[in-house]
Amino acid sequence: METYKKGEGTLVRRIVFFAIAGILVWGGQGFYTWLINLDMFNGLFRKGLVGGEDGTFIPVFNQRLNLGFVLGWGFSILSIWGLWKWLNRPKVADFLIETEEELRKVSWPTWKDAWNSALIVLAFVALLTVFLWVCDVGTYNLLALALA
């Protein structure tokens, strides 16, 4: 499998690949769970492929080898392969390469600047909370007086 423009934009390409691959594995596990809980087909997806009614126990995955497991992991593996092919398409790869180049041009704040900005935001949120609480209590008291 050949990588388009190998060595360029590797950081962003890896981050995107592993983030989406994790979501695809999570989706494959959800698909497996959905299949084994499906009441149609007389529990076909719960029946073992080898080793008895429930299937052979796989200690690494802490699951049983059954049709649902094979289909769920098959979905995950095929979708990850498709993701790899998609990320190496010229338009997508060029976009990610350009994204990494632009991110390198950004002037990131120092730790002190980031801390000062966070403190300003926290102070503003605290002041706004107090203001809204005062407005809420005042409105409640005005309505209580008006309705009494």
Protein backbone atom coordinates (compact mmCIF):
# COMPACT_ATOMS: atom_id res chain seq x y z
CA MET A 1 0.00 0.00 0.00
CA GLU A 2 1.62 3.23 -1.15
CA THR A 3 1.36 6.46 0.81
CA TYR A 4 0.61 9.62 -1.17
CA LYS A 5 3.38 12.20 -0.58
CA LYS A 6 5.07 10.11 2.06
CA GLY A 7 6.69 12.11 4.85
CA GLU A 8 4.54 15.21 4.37
CA GLY A 9 1.88 16.15 6.89
CA THR A 10 2.57 13.03 8.94
CA LEU A 11 1.45 14.45 12.29
CA VAL A 12 -1.99 15.58 11.15
CA ARG A 13 -2.49 12.48 9.01
CA ARG A 14 -1.71 10.19 11.95
CA ILE A 15 -3.95 12.12 14.33
CA VAL A 16 -6.86 12.00 11.88
CA PHE A 17 -6.28 8.31 11.12
CA PHE A 18 -6.14 7.17 14.75
CA ALA A 19 -9.05 9.37 15.83
CA ILE A 20 -11.37 8.07 13.11
CA ALA A 21 -10.05 4.50 13.44
CA GLY A 22 -10.93 4.58 17.14
CA ILE A 23 -14.46 5.68 16.29
CA LEU A 24 -14.73 2.89 13.70
CA VAL A 25 -13.59 0.24 16.20
CA TRP A 26 -16.12 1.60 18.69
CA GLY A 27 -18.78 1.37 15.96
CA GLY A 28 -17.75 -2.20 15.16
CA GLN A 29 -18.10 -3.13 18.83
CA GLY A 30 -21.54 -1.50 18.90
CA PHE A 31 -22.48 -3.41 15.74
CA TYR A 32 -21.36 -6.66 17.41
CA THR A 33 -23.45 -5.89 20.50
CA TRP A 34 -26.45 -5.06 18.35
CA LEU A 35 -26.07 -8.30 16.37
CA ILE A 36 -25.85 -10.61 19.38
CA ASN A 37 -28.85 -8.93 21.01
CA LEU A 38 -30.89 -9.21 17.80
CA ASP A 39 -33.78 -11.61 18.41
CA MET A 40 -34.27 -12.41 14.74
CA PHE A 41 -32.79 -15.47 13.01
CA ASN A 42 -33.01 -17.67 16.17
CA GLY A 43 -29.85 -16.23 17.73
CA LEU A 44 -27.74 -16.94 14.64
CA PHE A 45 -25.18 -14.28 15.55
CA ARG A 46 -24.71 -15.67 19.09
CA LYS A 47 -24.04 -19.24 17.95
CA GLY A 48 -20.42 -20.28 17.97
CA LEU A 49 -18.43 -20.89 14.84
CA VAL A 50 -16.28 -23.50 16.61
CA GLY A 51 -16.23 -25.02 20.06
CA GLY A 52 -19.78 -25.47 21.24
CA GLU A 53 -23.05 -23.58 21.29
CA ASP A 54 -21.65 -20.26 22.52
CA GLY A 55 -18.36 -20.41 20.63
CA THR A 56 -14.76 -20.64 21.76
CA PHE A 57 -13.73 -18.13 24.41
CA ILE A 58 -11.05 -15.65 23.24
CA PRO A 59 -9.22 -14.45 26.38
CA VAL A 60 -7.47 -11.45 24.76
CA PHE A 61 -10.76 -9.88 23.68
CA ASN A 62 -12.72 -11.36 26.61
CA GLN A 63 -15.41 -12.49 24.17
CA ARG A 64 -16.65 -15.56 22.38
CA LEU A 65 -15.86 -16.40 18.77
CA ASN A 66 -19.24 -16.28 17.07
CA LEU A 67 -20.71 -14.88 13.86
CA GLY A 68 -21.52 -11.51 15.47
CA PHE A 69 -17.91 -11.13 16.63
CA VAL A 70 -16.55 -11.93 13.16
CA LEU A 71 -18.95 -9.52 11.46
CA GLY A 72 -18.29 -6.72 13.98
CA TRP A 73 -14.51 -6.97 13.69
CA GLY A 74 -14.76 -7.52 9.95
CA PHE A 75 -16.68 -4.25 9.70
CA SER A 76 -14.01 -2.50 11.76
CA ILE A 77 -11.07 -3.86 9.76
CA LEU A 78 -12.65 -3.15 6.37
CA SER A 79 -13.66 0.36 7.38
CA ILE A 80 -10.16 1.12 8.70
CA TRP A 81 -8.71 -0.12 5.41
CA GLY A 82 -11.17 2.17 3.56
CA LEU A 83 -10.15 5.04 5.83
CA TRP A 84 -6.48 4.47 4.96
CA LYS A 85 -7.30 4.47 1.25
CA TRP A 86 -9.43 7.64 1.65
CA LEU A 87 -6.72 9.50 3.59
CA ASN A 88 -4.23 8.76 0.80
CA ARG A 89 -6.43 10.24 -1.93
CA PRO A 90 -4.66 13.31 -3.37
CA LYS A 91 -7.33 15.87 -2.43
CA VAL A 92 -7.68 14.65 1.17
CA ALA A 93 -3.93 14.19 1.68
CA ASP A 94 -3.15 17.62 0.23
CA PHE A 95 -5.77 19.20 2.52
CA LEU A 96 -4.22 17.56 5.59
CA ILE A 97 -0.69 18.52 4.49
CA GLU A 98 -1.78 22.14 4.05
CA THR A 99 -3.51 22.03 7.43
CA GLU A 100 -0.29 21.00 9.14
CA GLU A 101 1.64 23.72 7.31
CA GLU A 102 -0.86 26.36 8.46
CA LEU A 103 -0.76 25.08 12.05
CA ARG A 104 3.01 25.51 12.08
CA LYS A 105 2.53 29.21 11.21
CA VAL A 106 0.29 29.85 14.23
CA SER A 107 1.86 31.79 17.08
CA TRP A 108 0.85 29.82 20.14
CA PRO A 109 0.47 31.67 23.47
CA THR A 110 2.97 31.18 26.25
CA TRP A 111 1.94 29.38 29.42
CA LYS A 112 1.69 32.70 31.27
CA ASP A 113 -0.56 34.23 28.58
CA ALA A 114 -2.81 31.17 28.53
CA TRP A 115 -3.07 31.18 32.35
CA ASN A 116 -3.92 34.91 32.45
CA SER A 117 -6.59 34.44 29.78
CA ALA A 118 -8.09 31.53 31.70
CA LEU A 119 -8.23 33.60 34.90
CA ILE A 120 -9.99 36.44 33.07
CA VAL A 121 -12.58 34.02 31.68
CA LEU A 122 -13.15 32.44 35.12
CA ALA A 123 -13.57 35.86 36.75
CA PHE A 124 -16.06 36.93 34.09
CA VAL A 125 -18.05 33.70 34.47
CA ALA A 126 -18.16 34.19 38.27
CA LEU A 127 -19.36 37.80 37.90
CA LEU A 128 -21.98 36.80 35.35
CA THR A 129 -23.17 33.99 37.64
CA VAL A 130 -23.60 36.41 40.55
CA PHE A 131 -25.40 38.93 38.30
CA LEU A 132 -27.83 36.32 36.98
CA TRP A 133 -28.45 35.00 40.52
CA VAL A 134 -29.27 38.54 41.73
CA CYS A 135 -31.62 39.05 38.76
CA ASP A 136 -33.29 35.69 39.47
CA VAL A 137 -33.80 36.39 43.17
CA GLY A 138 -35.02 39.93 42.41
CA THR A 139 -37.52 38.72 39.83
CA TYR A 140 -38.76 36.01 42.18
CA ASN A 141 -39.30 38.54 44.99
CA LEU A 142 -41.06 41.03 42.66
CA LEU A 143 -43.40 38.32 41.41
CA ALA A 144 -44.04 37.11 44.97
CA LEU A 145 -44.98 40.67 46.02
CA ALA A 146 -47.15 41.22 42.95
CA LEU A 147 -49.06 37.97 43.43
CA ALA A 148 -49.46 38.32 47.21
